[in-house]
Amino acid sequence: MSDHEAHYGGKMSGRAKLIFVGFAVVAGYYLFTEHTAHVLNALPFLLFLSCPIMHLFMHHGHKHGGGTPSSKSQGTGDAGVQ
């Protein structure tokens, strides 16, 4: 390991972080002020697009794979009735 790597350790210094955060704030402000009209025009489409995306991601835990029911679900009221 060289002295350069040992001194910096691959992390940004406090001054570099401050410059990066300042740049990110200025860029975010510019994007917000200049592109607000585009984002607001896309909101209805994003709302409709979010419905199928949430449906896809939220149904992965329901175990709709078929197969035999587990022994825990048998005899639990209407859950096992088809």
PDB file of N, CA and C in Angstrom:
ATOM      1  N   MET A   1       0.865  -1.174   0.000  1.00  0.00           N
ATOM      2  CA  MET A   1       0.000   0.000   0.000  1.00  0.00           C
ATOM      3  C   MET A   1       0.908   1.232   0.000  1.00  0.00           C
ATOM      4  N   SER A   2       0.645   2.127  -0.886  1.00  0.00           N
ATOM      5  CA  SER A   2       1.469   3.330  -0.975  1.00  0.00           C
ATOM      6  C   SER A   2       1.021   4.357   0.065  1.00  0.00           C
ATOM      7  N   ASP A   3       1.839   5.404   0.229  1.00  0.00           N
ATOM      8  CA  ASP A   3       1.484   6.460   1.175  1.00  0.00           C
ATOM      9  C   ASP A   3       0.222   7.194   0.742  1.00  0.00           C
ATOM     10  N   HIS A   4       0.027   7.301  -0.566  1.00  0.00           N
ATOM     11  CA  HIS A   4      -1.163   7.994  -1.082  1.00  0.00           C
ATOM     12  C   HIS A   4      -2.437   7.245  -0.681  1.00  0.00           C
ATOM     13  N   GLU A   5      -2.450   5.923  -0.849  1.00  0.00           N
ATOM     14  CA  GLU A   5      -3.620   5.126  -0.485  1.00  0.00           C
ATOM     15  C   GLU A   5      -3.851   5.120   1.018  1.00  0.00           C
ATOM     16  N   ALA A   6      -2.774   5.078   1.783  1.00  0.00           N
ATOM     17  CA  ALA A   6      -2.908   5.054   3.237  1.00  0.00           C
ATOM     18  C   ALA A   6      -3.430   6.386   3.758  1.00  0.00           C
ATOM     19  N   HIS A   7      -3.038   7.476   3.117  1.00  0.00           N
ATOM     20  CA  HIS A   7      -3.450   8.792   3.587  1.00  0.00           C
ATOM     21  C   HIS A   7      -4.919   9.050   3.289  1.00  0.00           C
ATOM     22  N   TYR A   8      -5.341   8.740   2.069  1.00  0.00           N
ATOM     23  CA  TYR A   8      -6.713   9.060   1.673  1.00  0.00           C
ATOM     24  C   TYR A   8      -7.688   7.925   1.962  1.00  0.00           C
ATOM     25  N   GLY A   9      -7.269   6.701   1.895  1.00  0.00           N
ATOM     26  CA  GLY A   9      -8.125   5.585   2.230  1.00  0.00           C
ATOM     27  C   GLY A   9      -9.314   5.400   1.294  1.00  0.00           C
ATOM     28  N   GLY A  10      -9.325   6.060   0.156  1.00  0.00           N
ATOM     29  CA  GLY A  10     -10.399   5.887  -0.801  1.00  0.00           C
ATOM     30  C   GLY A  10     -11.661   6.656  -0.470  1.00  0.00           C
ATOM     31  N   LYS A  11     -11.645   7.473   0.548  1.00  0.00           N
ATOM     32  CA  LYS A  11     -12.830   8.240   0.922  1.00  0.00           C
ATOM     33  C   LYS A  11     -12.628   9.702   0.574  1.00  0.00           C
ATOM     34  N   MET A  12     -13.745  10.396   0.382  1.00  0.00           N
ATOM     35  CA  MET A  12     -13.659  11.822   0.063  1.00  0.00           C
ATOM     36  C   MET A  12     -13.366  12.624   1.325  1.00  0.00           C
ATOM     37  N   SER A  13     -12.643  13.692   1.139  1.00  0.00           N
ATOM     38  CA  SER A  13     -12.373  14.579   2.263  1.00  0.00           C
ATOM     39  C   SER A  13     -13.618  15.413   2.547  1.00  0.00           C
ATOM     40  N   GLY A  14     -13.621  16.124   3.639  1.00  0.00           N
ATOM     41  CA  GLY A  14     -14.759  16.965   4.004  1.00  0.00           C
ATOM     42  C   GLY A  14     -15.019  18.049   2.975  1.00  0.00           C
ATOM     43  N   ARG A  15     -13.959  18.608   2.427  1.00  0.00           N
ATOM     44  CA  ARG A  15     -14.124  19.670   1.420  1.00  0.00           C
ATOM     45  C   ARG A  15     -14.728  19.109   0.135  1.00  0.00           C
ATOM     46  N   ALA A  16     -14.293  17.921  -0.277  1.00  0.00           N
ATOM     47  CA  ALA A  16     -14.829  17.298  -1.491  1.00  0.00           C
ATOM     48  C   ALA A  16     -16.300  16.950  -1.310  1.00  0.00           C
ATOM     49  N   LYS A  17     -16.679  16.493  -0.127  1.00  0.00           N
ATOM     50  CA  LYS A  17     -18.087  16.194   0.151  1.00  0.00           C
ATOM     51  C   LYS A  17     -18.931  17.455   0.085  1.00  0.00           C
ATOM     52  N   LEU A  18     -18.405  18.538   0.633  1.00  0.00           N
ATOM     53  CA  LEU A  18     -19.131  19.811   0.616  1.00  0.00           C
ATOM     54  C   LEU A  18     -19.326  20.305  -0.813  1.00  0.00           C
ATOM     55  N   ILE A  19     -18.299  20.189  -1.639  1.00  0.00           N
ATOM     56  CA  ILE A  19     -18.411  20.601  -3.039  1.00  0.00           C
ATOM     57  C   ILE A  19     -19.409  19.716  -3.772  1.00  0.00           C
ATOM     58  N   PHE A  20     -19.367  18.408  -3.528  1.00  0.00           N
ATOM     59  CA  PHE A  20     -20.304  17.491  -4.178  1.00  0.00           C
ATOM     60  C   PHE A  20     -21.738  17.783  -3.762  1.00  0.00           C
ATOM     61  N   VAL A  21     -21.990  18.002  -2.478  1.00  0.00           N
ATOM     62  CA  VAL A  21     -23.339  18.306  -2.005  1.00  0.00           C
ATOM     63  C   VAL A  21     -23.819  19.631  -2.593  1.00  0.00           C
ATOM     64  N   GLY A  22     -22.939  20.625  -2.648  1.00  0.00           N
ATOM     65  CA  GLY A  22     -23.312  21.903  -3.245  1.00  0.00           C
ATOM     66  C   GLY A  22     -23.689  21.750  -4.712  1.00  0.00           C
ATOM     67  N   PHE A  23     -22.907  20.973  -5.448  1.00  0.00           N
ATOM     68  CA  PHE A  23     -23.222  20.721  -6.855  1.00  0.00           C
ATOM     69  C   PHE A  23     -24.541  19.985  -6.998  1.00  0.00           C
ATOM     70  N   ALA A  24     -24.788  18.998  -6.135  1.00  0.00           N
ATOM     71  CA  ALA A  24     -26.036  18.237  -6.198  1.00  0.00           C
ATOM     72  C   ALA A  24     -27.241  19.121  -5.898  1.00  0.00           C
ATOM     73  N   VAL A  25     -27.095  20.050  -4.952  1.00  0.00           N
ATOM     74  CA  VAL A  25     -28.202  20.955  -4.623  1.00  0.00           C
ATOM     75  C   VAL A  25     -28.486  21.881  -5.797  1.00  0.00           C
ATOM     76  N   VAL A  26     -27.449  22.444  -6.403  1.00  0.00           N
ATOM     77  CA  VAL A  26     -27.643  23.330  -7.549  1.00  0.00           C
ATOM     78  C   VAL A  26     -28.264  22.557  -8.713  1.00  0.00           C
ATOM     79  N   ALA A  27     -27.790  21.354  -8.991  1.00  0.00           N
ATOM     80  CA  ALA A  27     -28.336  20.544 -10.083  1.00  0.00           C
ATOM     81  C   ALA A  27     -29.783  20.165  -9.797  1.00  0.00           C
ATOM     82  N   GLY A  28     -30.083  19.805  -8.547  1.00  0.00           N
ATOM     83  CA  GLY A  28     -31.462  19.472  -8.191  1.00  0.00           C
ATOM     84  C   GLY A  28     -32.392  20.655  -8.330  1.00  0.00           C
ATOM     85  N   TYR A  29     -31.938  21.824  -7.920  1.00  0.00           N
ATOM     86  CA  TYR A  29     -32.755  23.030  -8.063  1.00  0.00           C
ATOM     87  C   TYR A  29     -33.014  23.335  -9.528  1.00  0.00           C
ATOM     88  N   TYR A  30     -31.968  23.214 -10.360  1.00  0.00           N
ATOM     89  CA  TYR A  30     -32.126  23.466 -11.790  1.00  0.00           C
ATOM     90  C   TYR A  30     -33.117  22.478 -12.404  1.00  0.00           C
ATOM     91  N   LEU A  31     -32.977  21.202 -12.077  1.00  0.00           N
ATOM     92  CA  LEU A  31     -33.890  20.206 -12.635  1.00  0.00           C
ATOM     93  C   LEU A  31     -35.319  20.450 -12.179  1.00  0.00           C
ATOM     94  N   PHE A  32     -35.491  20.843 -10.931  1.00  0.00           N
ATOM     95  CA  PHE A  32     -36.839  21.092 -10.418  1.00  0.00           C
ATOM     96  C   PHE A  32     -37.475  22.300 -11.093  1.00  0.00           C
ATOM     97  N   THR A  33     -36.731  23.395 -11.204  1.00  0.00           N
ATOM     98  CA  THR A  33     -37.326  24.611 -11.753  1.00  0.00           C
ATOM     99  C   THR A  33     -37.524  24.538 -13.256  1.00  0.00           C
ATOM    100  N   GLU A  34     -36.609  23.919 -13.973  1.00  0.00           N
ATOM    101  CA  GLU A  34     -36.689  23.902 -15.432  1.00  0.00           C
ATOM    102  C   GLU A  34     -37.567  22.778 -15.973  1.00  0.00           C
ATOM    103  N   HIS A  35     -37.747  21.721 -15.214  1.00  0.00           N
ATOM    104  CA  HIS A  35     -38.470  20.562 -15.738  1.00  0.00           C
ATOM    105  C   HIS A  35     -39.758  20.265 -14.971  1.00  0.00           C
ATOM    106  N   THR A  36     -40.232  21.213 -14.186  1.00  0.00           N
ATOM    107  CA  THR A  36     -41.459  21.001 -13.434  1.00  0.00           C
ATOM    108  C   THR A  36     -42.640  20.757 -14.364  1.00  0.00           C
ATOM    109  N   ALA A  37     -42.706  21.489 -15.451  1.00  0.00           N
ATOM    110  CA  ALA A  37     -43.820  21.323 -16.392  1.00  0.00           C
ATOM    111  C   ALA A  37     -43.829  19.922 -16.989  1.00  0.00           C
ATOM    112  N   HIS A  38     -42.664  19.382 -17.302  1.00  0.00           N
ATOM    113  CA  HIS A  38     -42.606  18.037 -17.874  1.00  0.00           C
ATOM    114  C   HIS A  38     -43.035  16.994 -16.856  1.00  0.00           C
ATOM    115  N   VAL A  39     -42.591  17.165 -15.634  1.00  0.00           N
ATOM    116  CA  VAL A  39     -42.934  16.198 -14.588  1.00  0.00           C
ATOM    117  C   VAL A  39     -44.422  16.266 -14.273  1.00  0.00           C
ATOM    118  N   LEU A  40     -44.970  17.466 -14.192  1.00  0.00           N
ATOM    119  CA  LEU A  40     -46.395  17.594 -13.892  1.00  0.00           C
ATOM    120  C   LEU A  40     -47.256  17.034 -15.016  1.00  0.00           C
ATOM    121  N   ASN A  41     -46.816  17.161 -16.268  1.00  0.00           N
ATOM    122  CA  ASN A  41     -47.556  16.578 -17.379  1.00  0.00           C
ATOM    123  C   ASN A  41     -47.514  15.056 -17.360  1.00  0.00           C
ATOM    124  N   ALA A  42     -46.471  14.479 -16.781  1.00  0.00           N
ATOM    125  CA  ALA A  42     -46.321  13.027 -16.760  1.00  0.00           C
ATOM    126  C   ALA A  42     -46.983  12.387 -15.540  1.00  0.00           C
ATOM    127  N   LEU A  43     -47.417  13.164 -14.564  1.00  0.00           N
ATOM    128  CA  LEU A  43     -47.974  12.582 -13.349  1.00  0.00           C
ATOM    129  C   LEU A  43     -49.163  11.656 -13.576  1.00  0.00           C
ATOM    130  N   PRO A  44     -50.147  11.994 -14.411  1.00  0.00           N
ATOM    131  CA  PRO A  44     -51.249  11.039 -14.619  1.00  0.00           C
ATOM    132  C   PRO A  44     -50.777   9.705 -15.184  1.00  0.00           C
ATOM    133  N   PHE A  45     -49.807   9.744 -16.101  1.00  0.00           N
ATOM    134  CA  PHE A  45     -49.294   8.504 -16.669  1.00  0.00           C
ATOM    135  C   PHE A  45     -48.500   7.712 -15.635  1.00  0.00           C
ATOM    136  N   LEU A  46     -47.759   8.416 -14.787  1.00  0.00           N
ATOM    137  CA  LEU A  46     -47.008   7.735 -13.741  1.00  0.00           C
ATOM    138  C   LEU A  46     -47.936   7.082 -12.727  1.00  0.00           C
ATOM    139  N   LEU A  47     -49.072   7.703 -12.467  1.00  0.00           N
ATOM    140  CA  LEU A  47     -50.050   7.113 -11.555  1.00  0.00           C
ATOM    141  C   LEU A  47     -50.588   5.807 -12.130  1.00  0.00           C
ATOM    142  N   PHE A  48     -50.973   5.818 -13.398  1.00  0.00           N
ATOM    143  CA  PHE A  48     -51.482   4.593 -14.017  1.00  0.00           C
ATOM    144  C   PHE A  48     -50.398   3.537 -14.169  1.00  0.00           C
ATOM    145  N   LEU A  49     -49.175   3.952 -14.398  1.00  0.00           N
ATOM    146  CA  LEU A  49     -48.074   3.007 -14.515  1.00  0.00           C
ATOM    147  C   LEU A  49     -47.714   2.403 -13.167  1.00  0.00           C
ATOM    148  N   SER A  50     -47.913   3.138 -12.087  1.00  0.00           N
ATOM    149  CA  SER A  50     -47.566   2.612 -10.771  1.00  0.00           C
ATOM    150  C   SER A  50     -48.476   1.462 -10.349  1.00  0.00           C
ATOM    151  N   CYS A  51     -49.707   1.443 -10.835  1.00  0.00           N
ATOM    152  CA  CYS A  51     -50.635   0.369 -10.451  1.00  0.00           C
ATOM    153  C   CYS A  51     -50.141  -1.007 -10.896  1.00  0.00           C
ATOM    154  N   PRO A  52     -49.826  -1.233 -12.176  1.00  0.00           N
ATOM    155  CA  PRO A  52     -49.344  -2.571 -12.544  1.00  0.00           C
ATOM    156  C   PRO A  52     -47.977  -2.893 -11.954  1.00  0.00           C
ATOM    157  N   ILE A  53     -47.138  -1.882 -11.775  1.00  0.00           N
ATOM    158  CA  ILE A  53     -45.825  -2.145 -11.190  1.00  0.00           C
ATOM    159  C   ILE A  53     -45.972  -2.591  -9.739  1.00  0.00           C
ATOM    160  N   MET A  54     -46.824  -1.917  -8.979  1.00  0.00           N
ATOM    161  CA  MET A  54     -47.058  -2.337  -7.589  1.00  0.00           C
ATOM    162  C   MET A  54     -47.690  -3.721  -7.561  1.00  0.00           C
ATOM    163  N   HIS A  55     -48.580  -4.017  -8.495  1.00  0.00           N
ATOM    164  CA  HIS A  55     -49.216  -5.324  -8.551  1.00  0.00           C
ATOM    165  C   HIS A  55     -48.167  -6.413  -8.757  1.00  0.00           C
ATOM    166  N   LEU A  56     -47.228  -6.174  -9.670  1.00  0.00           N
ATOM    167  CA  LEU A  56     -46.187  -7.166  -9.921  1.00  0.00           C
ATOM    168  C   LEU A  56     -45.291  -7.378  -8.707  1.00  0.00           C
ATOM    169  N   PHE A  57     -44.873  -6.304  -8.078  1.00  0.00           N
ATOM    170  CA  PHE A  57     -43.929  -6.432  -6.979  1.00  0.00           C
ATOM    171  C   PHE A  57     -44.583  -6.877  -5.675  1.00  0.00           C
ATOM    172  N   MET A  58     -45.844  -6.599  -5.484  1.00  0.00           N
ATOM    173  CA  MET A  58     -46.466  -6.917  -4.200  1.00  0.00           C
ATOM    174  C   MET A  58     -47.074  -8.311  -4.172  1.00  0.00           C
ATOM    175  N   HIS A  59     -47.206  -8.973  -5.312  1.00  0.00           N
ATOM    176  CA  HIS A  59     -47.778 -10.312  -5.322  1.00  0.00           C
ATOM    177  C   HIS A  59     -46.738 -11.415  -5.222  1.00  0.00           C
ATOM    178  N   HIS A  60     -45.474 -11.065  -5.094  1.00  0.00           N
ATOM    179  CA  HIS A  60     -44.465 -12.121  -5.022  1.00  0.00           C
ATOM    180  C   HIS A  60     -44.534 -12.895  -3.713  1.00  0.00           C
ATOM    181  N   GLY A  61     -45.112 -12.346  -2.690  1.00  0.00           N
ATOM    182  CA  GLY A  61     -45.162 -13.020  -1.396  1.00  0.00           C
ATOM    183  C   GLY A  61     -46.397 -13.864  -1.171  1.00  0.00           C
ATOM    184  N   HIS A  62     -47.303 -13.921  -2.147  1.00  0.00           N
ATOM    185  CA  HIS A  62     -48.538 -14.671  -1.959  1.00  0.00           C
ATOM    186  C   HIS A  62     -48.398 -16.147  -2.284  1.00  0.00           C
ATOM    187  N   LYS A  63     -47.298 -16.552  -2.843  1.00  0.00           N
ATOM    188  CA  LYS A  63     -47.012 -17.948  -3.176  1.00  0.00           C
ATOM    189  C   LYS A  63     -48.134 -18.544  -4.023  1.00  0.00           C
ATOM    190  N   HIS A  64     -48.376 -17.927  -5.188  1.00  0.00           N
ATOM    191  CA  HIS A  64     -49.408 -18.414  -6.101  1.00  0.00           C
ATOM    192  C   HIS A  64     -48.865 -19.517  -7.004  1.00  0.00           C
ATOM    193  N   GLY A  65     -47.882 -20.241  -6.565  1.00  0.00           N
ATOM    194  CA  GLY A  65     -47.253 -21.244  -7.412  1.00  0.00           C
ATOM    195  C   GLY A  65     -48.037 -22.529  -7.552  1.00  0.00           C
ATOM    196  N   GLY A  66     -49.147 -22.684  -6.883  1.00  0.00           N
ATOM    197  CA  GLY A  66     -49.911 -23.922  -6.977  1.00  0.00           C
ATOM    198  C   GLY A  66     -49.318 -24.973  -6.064  1.00  0.00           C
ATOM    199  N   GLY A  67     -49.496 -26.233  -6.416  1.00  0.00           N
ATOM    200  CA  GLY A  67     -48.960 -27.311  -5.604  1.00  0.00           C
ATOM    201  C   GLY A  67     -49.928 -27.698  -4.504  1.00  0.00           C
ATOM    202  N   THR A  68     -49.445 -28.490  -3.564  1.00  0.00           N
ATOM    203  CA  THR A  68     -50.302 -28.965  -2.475  1.00  0.00           C
ATOM    204  C   THR A  68     -50.342 -27.945  -1.358  1.00  0.00           C
ATOM    205  N   PRO A  69     -51.477 -27.799  -0.707  1.00  0.00           N
ATOM    206  CA  PRO A  69     -51.546 -26.868   0.424  1.00  0.00           C
ATOM    207  C   PRO A  69     -50.758 -27.406   1.609  1.00  0.00           C
ATOM    208  N   SER A  70     -50.229 -26.512   2.400  1.00  0.00           N
ATOM    209  CA  SER A  70     -49.449 -26.935   3.558  1.00  0.00           C
ATOM    210  C   SER A  70     -50.377 -27.454   4.643  1.00  0.00           C
ATOM    211  N   SER A  71     -49.824 -28.168   5.593  1.00  0.00           N
ATOM    212  CA  SER A  71     -50.630 -28.753   6.664  1.00  0.00           C
ATOM    213  C   SER A  71     -51.187 -27.684   7.591  1.00  0.00           C
ATOM    214  N   LYS A  72     -50.544 -26.507   7.652  1.00  0.00           N
ATOM    215  CA  LYS A  72     -51.020 -25.433   8.526  1.00  0.00           C
ATOM    216  C   LYS A  72     -52.322 -24.832   8.004  1.00  0.00           C
ATOM    217  N   SER A  73     -52.524 -24.807   6.664  1.00  0.00           N
ATOM    218  CA  SER A  73     -53.708 -24.166   6.124  1.00  0.00           C
ATOM    219  C   SER A  73     -54.912 -25.088   6.120  1.00  0.00           C
ATOM    220  N   GLN A  74     -54.738 -26.378   6.382  1.00  0.00           N
ATOM    221  CA  GLN A  74     -55.868 -27.301   6.386  1.00  0.00           C
ATOM    222  C   GLN A  74     -56.627 -27.172   7.689  1.00  0.00           C
ATOM    223  N   GLY A  75     -57.946 -27.104   7.577  1.00  0.00           N
ATOM    224  CA  GLY A  75     -58.785 -27.038   8.757  1.00  0.00           C
ATOM    225  C   GLY A  75     -58.835 -25.668   9.389  1.00  0.00           C
ATOM    226  N   THR A  76     -58.565 -24.630   8.641  1.00  0.00           N
ATOM    227  CA  THR A  76     -58.599 -23.272   9.196  1.00  0.00           C
ATOM    228  C   THR A  76     -59.791 -22.511   8.624  1.00  0.00           C
ATOM    229  N   GLY A  77     -60.971 -23.028   8.796  1.00  0.00           N
ATOM    230  CA  GLY A  77     -62.159 -22.318   8.355  1.00  0.00           C
ATOM    231  C   GLY A  77     -62.335 -22.389   6.858  1.00  0.00           C
ATOM    232  N   ASP A  78     -62.604 -21.266   6.214  1.00  0.00           N
ATOM    233  CA  ASP A  78     -62.868 -21.213   4.789  1.00  0.00           C
ATOM    234  C   ASP A  78     -61.605 -21.099   3.949  1.00  0.00           C
ATOM    235  N   ALA A  79     -60.445 -21.027   4.570  1.00  0.00           N
ATOM    236  CA  ALA A  79     -59.217 -20.815   3.806  1.00  0.00           C
ATOM    237  C   ALA A  79     -58.902 -21.990   2.895  1.00  0.00           C
ATOM    238  N   GLY A  80     -59.234 -23.206   3.296  1.00  0.00           N
ATOM    239  CA  GLY A  80     -58.923 -24.386   2.490  1.00  0.00           C
ATOM    240  C   GLY A  80     -60.065 -24.775   1.561  1.00  0.00           C
ATOM    241  N   VAL A  81     -61.221 -24.134   1.613  1.00  0.00           N
ATOM    242  CA  VAL A  81     -62.369 -24.501   0.790  1.00  0.00           C
ATOM    243  C   VAL A  81     -62.194 -23.954  -0.615  1.00  0.00           C
ATOM    244  N   GLN A  82     -62.498 -24.808  -1.621  1.00  0.00           N
ATOM    245  CA  GLN A  82     -62.380 -24.343  -3.009  1.00  0.00           C
ATOM    246  C   GLN A  82     -63.702 -24.339  -3.681  1.00  0.00           C
TER     247      GLN A  82
END
